[in-house]
Amino acid sequence: MKVNHVKECPRCKGTEFAEGTDYVAVRPLNKKLSTGSLKIFRFCLSCGEIVSIRVENPGKFRSK
């Protein structure tokens, strides 16, 4: 599956974006002691609208 990156903010039509995290990890539901992976937010620099959220390291959620 190919990811389409937003080139224009759906809220304000801005075209400048940045990425950041809140440093709270997403953890697998069935692995309570897992360190999980950070969420990465992509947001518009004009209005702050979040246009995407992704997990930094999705491999941590694979079953072994």
Protein backbone atom coordinates (compact mmCIF):
# COMPACT_ATOMS: atom_id res chain seq x y z
CA MET A 1 0.00 0.00 0.00
CA LYS A 2 1.40 3.37 -1.01
CA VAL A 3 1.09 6.30 1.40
CA ASN A 4 -0.13 9.56 -0.12
CA HIS A 5 1.44 12.54 1.62
CA VAL A 6 -0.84 15.51 2.10
CA LYS A 7 0.48 18.47 0.13
CA GLU A 8 -2.19 20.93 1.25
CA CYS A 9 -3.85 21.34 4.64
CA PRO A 10 -7.54 20.37 4.45
CA ARG A 11 -8.42 23.07 7.01
CA CYS A 12 -6.55 26.21 5.89
CA LYS A 13 -4.93 25.19 2.57
CA GLY A 14 -1.46 25.79 4.03
CA THR A 15 1.47 23.99 2.38
CA GLU A 16 4.11 23.95 5.13
CA PHE A 17 4.21 20.99 7.50
CA ALA A 18 6.35 19.77 10.40
CA GLU A 19 6.61 16.55 12.39
CA GLY A 20 6.75 16.03 16.13
CA THR A 21 5.97 13.59 18.93
CA ASP A 22 4.45 13.76 22.39
CA TYR A 23 6.94 11.14 23.70
CA VAL A 24 4.14 8.81 24.79
CA ALA A 25 4.68 5.35 23.36
CA VAL A 26 1.99 3.23 21.76
CA ARG A 27 2.23 -0.29 23.22
CA PRO A 28 0.87 -3.62 21.98
CA LEU A 29 -2.26 -4.62 23.90
CA ASN A 30 -1.01 -8.15 24.53
CA LYS A 31 2.52 -7.16 25.68
CA LYS A 32 2.20 -5.08 28.85
CA LEU A 33 5.97 -4.78 29.40
CA SER A 34 6.81 -3.75 25.82
CA THR A 35 8.54 -0.40 25.31
CA GLY A 36 6.30 0.20 22.30
CA SER A 37 6.95 2.89 19.73
CA LEU A 38 6.53 6.66 19.54
CA LYS A 39 3.72 8.32 17.60
CA ILE A 40 4.84 10.78 14.93
CA PHE A 41 2.41 13.62 14.20
CA ARG A 42 2.53 15.55 10.90
CA PHE A 43 0.85 18.94 11.23
CA CYS A 44 0.24 22.19 9.36
CA LEU A 45 2.51 25.04 10.43
CA SER A 46 -0.19 27.63 9.67
CA CYS A 47 -3.14 26.33 11.70
CA GLY A 48 -1.84 23.28 13.62
CA GLU A 49 -4.19 20.76 11.98
CA ILE A 50 -2.81 17.22 12.32
CA VAL A 51 -2.85 15.64 8.88
CA SER A 52 -1.35 12.26 9.81
CA ILE A 53 -0.26 10.12 12.74
CA ARG A 54 2.09 7.18 12.32
CA VAL A 55 4.00 4.78 14.56
CA GLU A 56 7.76 5.30 14.43
CA ASN A 57 8.69 1.61 14.66
CA PRO A 58 5.80 -0.64 13.51
CA GLY A 59 8.05 -3.72 13.69
CA LYS A 60 7.61 -3.75 17.47
CA PHE A 61 4.03 -4.88 16.92
CA ARG A 62 4.84 -8.01 14.92
CA SER A 63 4.17 -11.33 16.58
CA LYS A 64 7.29 -13.40 17.16
